[in-house]
Amino acid sequence: MSEQLKPLCGILDNVLQRLAAVECKLGVAPPKGAAVPSGAVATSAVVEDEDEVHPRLAAYDQHMARALTPFTDSCAALGSEMGGIGDSVRDVWNGVRLIVELGTEYKKPPEPVASAIQPHIKPCQDAMSKVRMARLDRKFDWHIKAVMEMLACVSWVVMSPPPTPSSFVKDTIGASDFWANKVRKEHKNKGEEGVKHTKLCDSMKALVLDLSAYLKEYHLSGLAWNPRGKDFSKAKVGEGGNAPKAKSAPAAVETPGAGGAGGLFAELQEKKTGAGDSAATGLKKVARDQQTWRKEFKKSGDAPSQPTATAPKPAAAPKFGAKKPVGAPKCEYQTRGCKWNVENQTKDTCENGVCKVTVTDPKQQVYIYKCQNVTIQITGKLKSVVLDSCTKCGVVFDAAISACEVVNCKSVQVQATNVCPSFSIDKTDGIVVYLTNEAIATSSFVTSKSSEMNVSWPDDKGEIKEAPIPEQFMHKFVNGKMTSQVSDLYH
């Protein structure tokens, strides 16, 4: 080499070393057979030792520490209920981290991204379902609605521009702030407790803005992938983790003459002994009748059959008319909605076949669902009673402010020991309503698609009277208008 080219070679060698360092930092492996500059091995080892997490992943971890942690801390400051919501939101962000990590290791899938990563986003969906199904104190209603609107920004992982992920995430602030502003207004000038609620709203908005800034820098046109990564079809569900990868020994750079076909033949040559033995010595010979690739097997069909796994028999379909499984019995008060839920009660689940419910606030309502052969005794003045899909049940209550509704029931009895202004009966076969003297003049009945309806009440002498609610009517046009009259059967 001439003396004039030596400086130029040094400059080119230096450039190649810097390019190799950049490739290692970005997680891009050089193509096989590429020339390796002198000193590149040492530089690569240093870079891998210093940066064990991909820059996109490291930036996402910084985003979580910078913006997500203050949000979860502000949730925990409001009590255990909101603390659980903060933990679920953190699980959502950790699920997104798995997707970002997949993007650093794999190529972009050929099919649409939304369908390709669907199995991998299940942790996000499960965590969001926990937030959606949470039943907290009513004072946190606006908080939950604001969080649910904010979680819409997680959809950036499955979208492609337009709009850009950064703009899409920033647009979710408006819907979230609609509810957050209600929280700010309600807790304004309420001392330290009000400051906690305001801090939650501010940290939630800061979380979305910080995520938007991260996406603008690292995922400008959608979820970023590794063009030289592995095939996405090999990605396993749940692959990756929330912790940085452990340090691994630097991989040796392939040098000319080592590895490849030449290295394979060299290794086989080493296994050959002086007696003529080689790596193939001792292997069984495949006889002609075992070579299933031959044409004679394909023509005659005598090829040895492969063992097949026995498929499990499908579960037998339930027979027509079979009883459906009954859920667990329940009799509990739900703070959200001020409602008592009485479900799946039978004479075996209640003492003496009577389920007692004590109402302490007139704003409360009682919802009775799928009960059989049991009496529901309600004590105290309440807002309303709903009887849904019950069979051979009796309901006794003191007084209802609004109404008593009976839907999809069979052979039920309802008794109001005081006043109930309205009874609504829909899709019910067989019902008897017992009224008191005070309720006769004030109660009204609205019925539809029902049969065998009767009303019972005591007269002035104390004797029990009973009258049917008409099911048959006669309709005719009078002066261009449709009129209806009760059938003569009831006169």
Protein backbone atom coordinates (compact mmCIF):
# COMPACT_ATOMS: atom_id res chain seq x y z
CA MET A 1 0.00 0.00 0.00
CA SER A 2 1.35 3.38 -0.97
CA GLU A 3 2.14 5.98 1.63
CA GLN A 4 -0.45 8.32 0.10
CA LEU A 5 -3.38 5.94 0.81
CA LYS A 6 -2.50 5.20 4.43
CA PRO A 7 -4.18 8.35 5.85
CA LEU A 8 -7.31 7.64 3.79
CA CYS A 9 -7.46 4.05 5.07
CA GLY A 10 -7.19 5.28 8.64
CA ILE A 11 -10.11 7.67 8.13
CA LEU A 12 -12.27 4.94 6.55
CA ASP A 13 -11.40 2.53 9.35
CA ASN A 14 -12.45 5.12 11.93
CA VAL A 15 -15.78 5.73 10.12
CA LEU A 16 -16.52 1.99 9.99
CA GLN A 17 -15.83 1.69 13.72
CA ARG A 18 -18.27 4.52 14.49
CA LEU A 19 -20.95 2.96 12.24
CA ALA A 20 -20.51 -0.38 14.01
CA ALA A 21 -20.96 1.34 17.36
CA VAL A 22 -24.17 3.03 16.15
CA GLU A 23 -25.54 -0.31 14.89
CA CYS A 24 -24.88 -1.96 18.24
CA LYS A 25 -26.53 0.92 20.08
CA LEU A 26 -29.65 0.70 17.92
CA GLY A 27 -29.80 -3.08 18.26
CA VAL A 28 -29.18 -3.66 14.53
CA ALA A 29 -26.90 -6.59 13.76
CA PRO A 30 -24.53 -6.20 10.78
CA PRO A 31 -25.28 -8.47 7.80
CA LYS A 32 -23.46 -11.76 7.62
CA GLY A 33 -20.28 -11.65 5.61
CA ALA A 34 -19.86 -7.89 6.03
CA ALA A 35 -16.36 -6.59 6.53
CA VAL A 36 -15.47 -5.96 10.14
CA PRO A 37 -13.16 -2.98 10.78
CA SER A 38 -10.26 -3.34 13.11
CA GLY A 39 -11.27 -2.48 16.65
CA ALA A 40 -14.97 -2.99 15.92
CA VAL A 41 -15.15 -6.00 18.23
CA ALA A 42 -13.91 -4.02 21.20
CA THR A 43 -16.23 -1.09 20.43
CA SER A 44 -19.23 -3.41 20.11
CA ALA A 45 -18.46 -5.05 23.43
CA VAL A 46 -18.25 -1.68 25.16
CA VAL A 47 -21.57 -0.49 23.69
CA GLU A 48 -23.46 -3.67 24.62
CA ASP A 49 -22.04 -3.57 28.10
CA GLU A 50 -23.06 0.03 28.64
CA ASP A 51 -26.53 -0.09 26.98
CA GLU A 52 -28.40 -3.22 27.94
CA VAL A 53 -31.83 -1.76 27.05
CA HIS A 54 -32.88 -0.52 23.63
CA PRO A 55 -33.06 3.33 23.49
CA ARG A 56 -36.79 3.26 22.67
CA LEU A 57 -37.42 0.97 25.62
CA ALA A 58 -35.19 2.98 27.95
CA ALA A 59 -37.04 6.17 26.96
CA TYR A 60 -40.37 4.47 27.70
CA ASP A 61 -39.09 3.42 31.15
CA GLN A 62 -38.08 7.02 31.79
CA HIS A 63 -41.55 8.16 30.72
CA MET A 64 -43.14 5.76 33.22
CA ALA A 65 -40.87 6.91 36.04
CA ARG A 66 -41.36 10.57 35.15
CA ALA A 67 -45.14 10.69 34.54
CA LEU A 68 -46.82 7.40 35.57
CA THR A 69 -45.39 7.16 39.08
CA PRO A 70 -46.74 10.60 40.17
CA PHE A 71 -50.18 9.58 38.86
CA THR A 72 -50.25 6.27 40.79
CA ASP A 73 -48.99 8.06 43.92
CA SER A 74 -51.81 10.62 43.67
CA CYS A 75 -54.31 7.75 43.28
CA ALA A 76 -52.95 6.01 46.38
CA ALA A 77 -53.23 9.28 48.33
CA LEU A 78 -57.04 9.17 47.90
CA GLY A 79 -57.40 5.78 49.57
CA SER A 80 -57.25 2.08 48.81
CA GLU A 81 -60.08 2.19 46.25
CA MET A 82 -58.37 4.72 43.99
CA GLY A 83 -55.04 3.06 44.79
CA GLY A 84 -56.32 -0.08 43.09
CA ILE A 85 -57.26 2.01 40.04
CA GLY A 86 -53.71 3.38 39.94
CA ASP A 87 -52.29 -0.15 40.04
CA SER A 88 -54.52 -1.19 37.13
CA VAL A 89 -53.38 1.81 35.09
CA ARG A 90 -49.77 0.83 35.77
CA ASP A 91 -50.59 -2.68 34.49
CA VAL A 92 -51.92 -1.08 31.30
CA TRP A 93 -48.68 0.84 30.80
CA ASN A 94 -46.62 -2.30 31.52
CA GLY A 95 -48.64 -4.14 28.88
CA VAL A 96 -47.81 -1.41 26.36
CA ARG A 97 -44.15 -1.79 27.30
CA LEU A 98 -44.28 -5.41 26.17
CA ILE A 99 -45.54 -4.24 22.76
CA VAL A 100 -42.77 -1.63 22.51
CA GLU A 101 -40.22 -4.31 23.41
CA LEU A 102 -41.57 -6.57 20.66
CA GLY A 103 -41.05 -3.71 18.22
CA THR A 104 -37.38 -3.48 19.16
CA GLU A 105 -36.76 -7.19 18.53
CA TYR A 106 -38.98 -8.13 15.57
CA LYS A 107 -39.72 -6.99 12.05
CA LYS A 108 -43.04 -5.40 11.20
CA PRO A 109 -45.59 -8.19 10.52
CA PRO A 110 -46.94 -8.50 6.97
CA GLU A 111 -50.56 -8.56 8.13
CA PRO A 112 -52.24 -5.51 9.75
CA VAL A 113 -50.58 -4.58 13.02
CA ALA A 114 -53.87 -4.52 14.94
CA SER A 115 -54.61 -8.19 14.18
CA ALA A 116 -50.97 -9.32 14.49
CA ILE A 117 -50.46 -8.02 18.04
CA GLN A 118 -53.97 -8.86 19.26
CA PRO A 119 -52.80 -11.82 21.44
CA HIS A 120 -50.03 -9.66 22.93
CA ILE A 121 -52.27 -6.79 24.10
CA LYS A 122 -54.46 -8.99 26.31
CA PRO A 123 -52.69 -7.79 29.53
CA CYS A 124 -53.73 -4.23 28.61
CA GLN A 125 -57.30 -5.27 27.94
CA ASP A 126 -57.54 -7.21 31.21
CA ALA A 127 -56.23 -4.25 33.22
CA MET A 128 -58.64 -1.84 31.49
CA SER A 129 -61.52 -4.21 32.23
CA LYS A 130 -60.63 -4.05 35.94
CA VAL A 131 -60.93 -0.26 35.82
CA ARG A 132 -64.21 -0.44 33.89
CA MET A 133 -65.77 -3.01 36.24
CA ALA A 134 -64.58 -1.32 39.45
CA ARG A 135 -67.36 -0.52 41.91
CA LEU A 136 -66.16 2.38 44.05
CA ASP A 137 -67.81 4.92 46.30
CA ARG A 138 -70.10 7.32 44.43
CA LYS A 139 -67.79 10.22 45.23
CA PHE A 140 -65.28 8.72 42.75
CA ASP A 141 -67.73 8.49 39.82
CA TRP A 142 -66.18 11.43 37.96
CA HIS A 143 -62.68 10.20 38.72
CA ILE A 144 -63.39 6.81 37.10
CA LYS A 145 -64.97 8.42 34.03
CA ALA A 146 -61.93 10.68 33.58
CA VAL A 147 -59.55 7.71 33.87
CA MET A 148 -61.55 5.66 31.35
CA GLU A 149 -61.47 8.52 28.83
CA MET A 150 -57.71 8.87 29.41
CA LEU A 151 -57.11 5.15 28.78
CA ALA A 152 -58.33 5.59 25.21
CA CYS A 153 -54.85 6.92 24.40
CA VAL A 154 -53.45 3.37 24.71
CA SER A 155 -54.93 2.62 21.27
CA TRP A 156 -51.91 4.30 19.67
CA VAL A 157 -50.16 0.89 19.48
CA VAL A 158 -52.62 -0.38 16.83
CA MET A 159 -53.08 2.75 14.73
CA SER A 160 -51.33 4.06 11.66
CA PRO A 161 -51.34 7.68 10.47
CA PRO A 162 -53.16 9.82 9.79
CA PRO A 163 -53.41 11.07 12.45
CA THR A 164 -50.01 10.51 14.02
CA PRO A 165 -49.95 8.64 17.36
CA SER A 166 -48.70 11.78 19.09
CA SER A 167 -51.66 13.87 17.87
CA PHE A 168 -54.14 11.08 18.62
CA VAL A 169 -52.94 10.76 22.22
CA LYS A 170 -53.04 14.52 22.77
CA ASP A 171 -56.64 14.66 21.51
CA THR A 172 -57.81 12.39 24.35
CA ILE A 173 -57.09 15.14 26.87
CA GLY A 174 -60.32 16.96 25.99
CA ALA A 175 -62.63 14.07 26.88
CA SER A 176 -60.68 13.29 30.05
CA ASP A 177 -60.59 16.93 31.17
CA PHE A 178 -64.38 17.18 30.79
CA TRP A 179 -64.76 14.95 33.85
CA ALA A 180 -61.55 16.08 35.54
CA ASN A 181 -62.79 19.69 35.55
CA LYS A 182 -65.90 18.55 37.43
CA VAL A 183 -63.62 17.00 40.05
CA ARG A 184 -61.55 20.21 40.27
CA LYS A 185 -64.67 22.34 40.67
CA GLU A 186 -66.23 20.10 43.33
CA HIS A 187 -63.07 19.96 45.48
CA LYS A 188 -61.99 23.57 45.04
CA ASN A 189 -61.12 25.38 48.30
CA LYS A 190 -61.52 22.22 50.41
CA GLY A 191 -58.13 22.20 52.08
CA GLU A 192 -55.62 19.38 51.85
CA GLU A 193 -58.25 16.84 50.74
CA GLY A 194 -59.20 19.04 47.81
CA VAL A 195 -55.53 19.41 46.87
CA LYS A 196 -55.24 15.60 46.59
CA HIS A 197 -58.10 15.42 44.11
CA THR A 198 -56.72 18.31 42.07
CA LYS A 199 -53.26 16.72 42.04
CA LEU A 200 -54.79 13.53 40.61
CA CYS A 201 -56.35 15.47 37.71
CA ASP A 202 -53.12 17.38 37.01
CA SER A 203 -50.93 14.26 37.07
CA MET A 204 -53.35 12.44 34.74
CA LYS A 205 -53.12 15.26 32.19
CA ALA A 206 -49.32 15.37 32.56
CA LEU A 207 -49.19 11.61 31.92
CA VAL A 208 -50.95 11.98 28.57
CA LEU A 209 -48.82 14.96 27.52
CA ASP A 210 -45.60 13.13 28.40
CA LEU A 211 -46.73 10.06 26.45
CA SER A 212 -47.46 12.29 23.45
CA ALA A 213 -43.94 13.77 23.62
CA TYR A 214 -42.42 10.28 23.80
CA LEU A 215 -44.40 9.11 20.76
CA LYS A 216 -43.43 12.19 18.78
CA GLU A 217 -39.76 11.31 19.24
CA TYR A 218 -39.74 7.51 18.93
CA HIS A 219 -43.00 6.44 17.22
CA LEU A 220 -43.78 9.29 14.88
CA SER A 221 -45.55 7.21 12.20
CA GLY A 222 -46.92 4.38 14.36
CA LEU A 223 -45.36 1.59 16.43
CA ALA A 224 -41.67 1.40 15.47
CA TRP A 225 -40.20 -1.97 14.43
CA ASN A 226 -36.72 -3.39 13.88
CA PRO A 227 -36.13 -3.77 10.11
CA ARG A 228 -33.33 -6.29 10.79
CA GLY A 229 -35.09 -8.08 13.60
CA LYS A 230 -36.55 -11.56 13.83
CA ASP A 231 -39.67 -12.72 12.03
CA PHE A 232 -42.75 -11.62 14.01
CA SER A 233 -44.41 -15.01 13.51
CA LYS A 234 -41.89 -16.42 16.03
CA ALA A 235 -42.95 -14.01 18.77
CA LYS A 236 -44.46 -15.72 21.79
CA VAL A 237 -47.32 -14.31 23.84
CA GLY A 238 -46.02 -12.78 27.06
CA GLU A 239 -42.47 -12.50 25.73
CA GLY A 240 -40.45 -9.71 27.32
CA GLY A 241 -40.80 -8.24 30.74
CA ASN A 242 -40.94 -5.08 32.82
CA ALA A 243 -37.33 -5.29 33.97
CA PRO A 244 -34.31 -4.54 31.80
CA LYS A 245 -32.60 -7.54 30.33
CA ALA A 246 -29.68 -9.01 32.21
CA LYS A 247 -26.21 -8.38 30.88
CA SER A 248 -24.96 -11.03 28.53
CA ALA A 249 -21.52 -11.77 27.26
CA PRO A 250 -20.66 -9.87 24.07
CA ALA A 251 -21.12 -12.00 20.99
CA ALA A 252 -17.97 -12.68 19.04
CA VAL A 253 -17.87 -11.14 15.58
CA GLU A 254 -17.64 -13.70 12.81
CA THR A 255 -14.28 -13.46 11.07
CA PRO A 256 -13.45 -14.75 7.61
CA GLY A 257 -12.56 -18.44 7.71
CA ALA A 258 -14.40 -19.08 11.01
CA GLY A 259 -17.90 -20.60 11.06
CA GLY A 260 -20.00 -21.01 7.93
CA ALA A 261 -19.49 -23.97 5.56
CA GLY A 262 -15.70 -23.87 5.96
CA GLY A 263 -15.94 -24.12 9.73
CA LEU A 264 -18.42 -27.01 9.48
CA PHE A 265 -16.14 -29.10 7.24
CA ALA A 266 -13.17 -28.29 9.44
CA GLU A 267 -15.04 -29.57 12.51
CA LEU A 268 -16.06 -32.77 10.70
CA GLN A 269 -12.45 -33.29 9.61
CA GLU A 270 -11.33 -33.03 13.25
CA LYS A 271 -13.74 -35.81 14.25
CA LYS A 272 -12.19 -38.17 11.73
CA THR A 273 -9.83 -40.61 13.43
CA GLY A 274 -6.84 -42.48 12.15
CA ALA A 275 -8.86 -45.70 11.97
CA GLY A 276 -11.17 -44.13 9.41
CA ASP A 277 -14.05 -43.39 11.82
CA SER A 278 -15.95 -40.14 11.30
CA ALA A 279 -18.89 -38.24 12.79
CA ALA A 280 -21.28 -40.58 10.90
CA THR A 281 -19.75 -43.77 12.34
CA GLY A 282 -22.29 -45.81 14.34
CA LEU A 283 -25.42 -44.39 12.74
CA LYS A 284 -28.04 -46.92 11.60
CA LYS A 285 -28.54 -47.37 7.89
CA VAL A 286 -32.00 -46.60 6.49
CA ALA A 287 -33.17 -49.62 4.50
CA ARG A 288 -34.92 -49.24 1.17
CA ASP A 289 -38.29 -50.29 2.56
CA GLN A 290 -38.03 -47.46 5.14
CA GLN A 291 -37.38 -44.69 2.62
CA THR A 292 -40.88 -43.29 2.42
CA TRP A 293 -39.91 -40.58 -0.04
CA ARG A 294 -39.64 -43.15 -2.87
CA LYS A 295 -42.27 -43.29 -5.61
CA GLU A 296 -43.36 -46.83 -4.85
CA PHE A 297 -44.72 -45.73 -1.46
CA LYS A 298 -46.68 -42.88 -3.03
CA LYS A 299 -48.22 -45.18 -5.67
CA SER A 300 -49.05 -48.19 -3.52
CA GLY A 301 -49.97 -46.22 -0.42
CA ASP A 302 -48.02 -48.66 1.78
CA ALA A 303 -46.04 -45.95 3.48
CA PRO A 304 -45.87 -46.47 7.24
CA SER A 305 -48.58 -44.58 8.99
CA GLN A 306 -47.64 -41.81 11.37
CA PRO A 307 -48.99 -41.96 14.89
CA THR A 308 -51.85 -39.52 15.31
CA ALA A 309 -53.03 -38.01 18.53
CA THR A 310 -56.55 -38.95 19.52
CA ALA A 311 -58.71 -35.84 19.44
CA PRO A 312 -60.78 -35.29 22.59
CA LYS A 313 -64.48 -35.94 22.16
CA PRO A 314 -66.57 -32.76 22.06
CA ALA A 315 -68.76 -32.14 25.04
CA ALA A 316 -72.29 -33.41 24.61
CA ALA A 317 -74.83 -30.73 23.86
CA PRO A 318 -77.40 -30.16 26.63
CA LYS A 319 -80.68 -31.94 26.07
CA PHE A 320 -83.77 -29.92 25.26
CA GLY A 321 -85.61 -28.94 28.41
CA ALA A 322 -82.64 -29.59 30.71
CA LYS A 323 -82.34 -27.27 33.69
CA LYS A 324 -79.78 -24.53 33.35
CA PRO A 325 -77.24 -24.13 36.13
CA VAL A 326 -78.31 -21.69 38.83
CA GLY A 327 -75.88 -19.02 39.97
CA ALA A 328 -74.74 -18.45 43.52
CA PRO A 329 -77.38 -17.00 45.86
CA LYS A 330 -76.88 -13.36 46.68
CA CYS A 331 -78.47 -10.86 49.06
CA GLU A 332 -76.32 -7.76 49.32
CA TYR A 333 -76.53 -3.99 49.27
CA GLN A 334 -74.78 -2.14 46.46
CA THR A 335 -73.71 1.39 47.37
CA ARG A 336 -73.48 2.43 43.75
CA GLY A 337 -77.09 3.00 42.78
CA CYS A 338 -78.50 2.51 46.32
CA LYS A 339 -79.83 -0.91 45.40
CA TRP A 340 -80.36 -4.24 47.12
CA ASN A 341 -79.58 -7.25 44.90
CA VAL A 342 -81.46 -10.45 45.84
CA GLU A 343 -80.56 -13.19 43.35
CA ASN A 344 -80.96 -16.99 42.99
CA GLN A 345 -82.63 -17.46 46.38
CA THR A 346 -84.55 -20.70 47.06
CA LYS A 347 -86.22 -22.29 50.05
CA ASP A 348 -83.00 -24.21 50.71
CA THR A 349 -80.77 -21.13 50.82
CA CYS A 350 -82.98 -19.18 53.27
CA GLU A 351 -83.96 -19.93 56.83
CA ASN A 352 -87.56 -21.24 56.88
CA GLY A 353 -87.83 -20.27 53.21
CA VAL A 354 -87.89 -16.52 54.02
CA CYS A 355 -85.29 -14.02 52.84
CA LYS A 356 -85.38 -10.81 54.91
CA VAL A 357 -84.24 -7.42 53.62
CA THR A 358 -84.10 -4.37 55.90
CA VAL A 359 -84.25 -1.01 54.12
CA THR A 360 -82.76 1.92 56.04
CA ASP A 361 -83.19 4.75 53.52
CA PRO A 362 -86.28 5.59 51.40
CA LYS A 363 -83.94 6.19 48.45
CA GLN A 364 -83.02 2.51 48.32
CA GLN A 365 -84.59 0.07 45.86
CA VAL A 366 -84.77 -3.75 45.84
CA TYR A 367 -84.08 -5.85 42.73
CA ILE A 368 -85.14 -9.51 42.97
CA TYR A 369 -83.85 -11.83 40.21
CA LYS A 370 -84.33 -15.54 39.44
CA CYS A 371 -85.66 -16.62 42.82
CA GLN A 372 -87.77 -19.78 43.25
CA ASN A 373 -90.12 -21.06 45.98
CA VAL A 374 -89.13 -18.39 48.47
CA THR A 375 -90.70 -15.43 50.26
CA ILE A 376 -88.92 -12.07 50.19
CA GLN A 377 -89.83 -9.94 53.22
CA ILE A 378 -88.83 -6.27 52.90
CA THR A 379 -88.99 -4.08 56.01
CA GLY A 380 -88.94 -0.29 55.79
CA LYS A 381 -90.12 2.34 53.35
CA LEU A 382 -88.33 2.12 49.99
CA LYS A 383 -88.23 3.71 46.54
CA SER A 384 -89.27 0.77 44.34
CA VAL A 385 -89.39 -3.03 44.04
CA VAL A 386 -88.53 -5.00 40.88
CA LEU A 387 -89.35 -8.70 40.53
CA ASP A 388 -87.59 -10.22 37.50
CA SER A 389 -87.65 -13.82 36.16
CA CYS A 390 -88.94 -15.36 39.39
CA THR A 391 -91.09 -18.47 39.84
CA LYS A 392 -93.51 -19.28 42.69
CA CYS A 393 -92.26 -16.43 44.85
CA GLY A 394 -93.94 -14.12 47.32
CA VAL A 395 -92.92 -10.53 48.04
CA VAL A 396 -94.10 -8.56 51.06
CA PHE A 397 -93.12 -4.91 51.53
CA ASP A 398 -94.31 -1.99 53.66
CA ALA A 399 -94.61 1.02 51.34
CA ALA A 400 -93.15 1.98 47.97
CA ILE A 401 -92.74 5.61 46.95
CA SER A 402 -92.53 4.96 43.20
CA ALA A 403 -93.78 1.59 41.93
CA CYS A 404 -93.64 -2.19 42.02
CA GLU A 405 -92.60 -3.87 38.75
CA VAL A 406 -93.09 -7.55 37.88
CA VAL A 407 -91.37 -8.82 34.69
CA ASN A 408 -91.01 -12.33 33.19
CA CYS A 409 -92.44 -14.09 36.25
CA LYS A 410 -94.65 -17.13 36.81
CA SER A 411 -97.03 -17.82 39.72
CA VAL A 412 -95.97 -14.97 42.02
CA GLN A 413 -97.70 -13.07 44.79
CA VAL A 414 -97.10 -9.45 45.79
CA GLN A 415 -98.42 -7.82 48.97
CA ALA A 416 -98.16 -4.15 49.96
CA THR A 417 -98.91 -3.70 53.66
CA ASN A 418 -99.13 0.06 53.14
CA VAL A 419 -99.37 2.23 50.02
CA CYS A 420 -97.90 1.62 46.57
CA PRO A 421 -99.06 4.10 43.88
CA SER A 422 -98.36 1.94 40.80
CA PHE A 423 -98.00 -1.70 39.78
CA SER A 424 -96.41 -2.59 36.43
CA ILE A 425 -96.91 -6.16 35.17
CA ASP A 426 -95.17 -7.31 31.98
CA LYS A 427 -94.80 -10.79 30.41
CA THR A 428 -96.05 -12.50 33.56
CA ASP A 429 -98.26 -15.61 33.82
CA GLY A 430 -100.04 -15.88 37.13
CA ILE A 431 -99.91 -13.07 39.71
CA VAL A 432 -101.99 -12.06 42.73
CA VAL A 433 -101.63 -8.55 44.17
CA TYR A 434 -102.83 -8.04 47.77
CA LEU A 435 -103.80 -4.47 48.72
CA THR A 436 -104.88 -2.77 51.95
CA ASN A 437 -107.87 -0.47 52.42
CA GLU A 438 -105.58 2.57 52.19
CA ALA A 439 -104.07 1.44 48.89
CA ILE A 440 -107.30 0.64 47.03
CA ALA A 441 -108.08 4.22 46.03
CA THR A 442 -104.50 5.23 45.15
CA SER A 443 -103.05 2.18 43.36
CA SER A 444 -103.06 1.81 39.57
CA PHE A 445 -102.09 -1.09 37.29
CA VAL A 446 -100.26 -1.09 33.94
CA THR A 447 -100.20 -4.50 32.24
CA SER A 448 -98.93 -5.94 28.97
CA LYS A 449 -98.49 -9.47 27.56
CA SER A 450 -99.62 -11.02 30.85
CA SER A 451 -102.27 -13.51 31.94
CA GLU A 452 -104.02 -14.81 35.09
CA MET A 453 -103.77 -11.50 36.91
CA ASN A 454 -105.86 -10.96 40.06
CA VAL A 455 -106.21 -8.27 42.74
CA SER A 456 -107.30 -9.10 46.30
CA TRP A 457 -108.38 -6.64 49.01
CA PRO A 458 -110.48 -6.58 52.25
CA ASP A 459 -113.89 -4.92 52.22
CA ASP A 460 -115.49 -2.86 55.01
CA LYS A 461 -116.55 -6.01 56.83
CA GLY A 462 -113.07 -7.49 56.71
CA GLU A 463 -113.94 -10.10 54.12
CA ILE A 464 -111.41 -10.72 51.34
CA LYS A 465 -112.56 -9.77 47.86
CA GLU A 466 -110.85 -10.72 44.61
CA ALA A 467 -111.22 -9.43 41.07
CA PRO A 468 -109.39 -10.28 37.85
CA ILE A 469 -107.47 -7.77 35.78
CA PRO A 470 -108.94 -7.94 32.23
CA GLU A 471 -106.92 -9.70 29.55
CA GLN A 472 -109.44 -9.58 26.72
CA PHE A 473 -110.63 -6.37 25.06
CA MET A 474 -112.90 -5.36 22.21
CA HIS A 475 -111.62 -2.72 19.80
CA LYS A 476 -113.58 -0.80 17.17
CA PHE A 477 -113.49 2.42 15.18
CA VAL A 478 -115.72 5.26 16.38
CA ASN A 479 -115.69 8.51 14.40
CA GLY A 480 -112.38 7.61 12.80
CA LYS A 481 -110.71 6.73 16.09
CA MET A 482 -109.89 3.39 17.63
CA THR A 483 -111.67 2.72 20.91
CA SER A 484 -111.20 -0.14 23.34
CA GLN A 485 -113.58 -1.71 25.85
CA VAL A 486 -113.22 -4.54 28.30
CA SER A 487 -114.73 -7.75 27.01
CA ASP A 488 -118.17 -8.82 28.24
CA LEU A 489 -116.53 -11.75 30.00
CA TYR A 490 -115.56 -9.42 32.86
CA HIS A 491 -119.00 -7.83 33.40
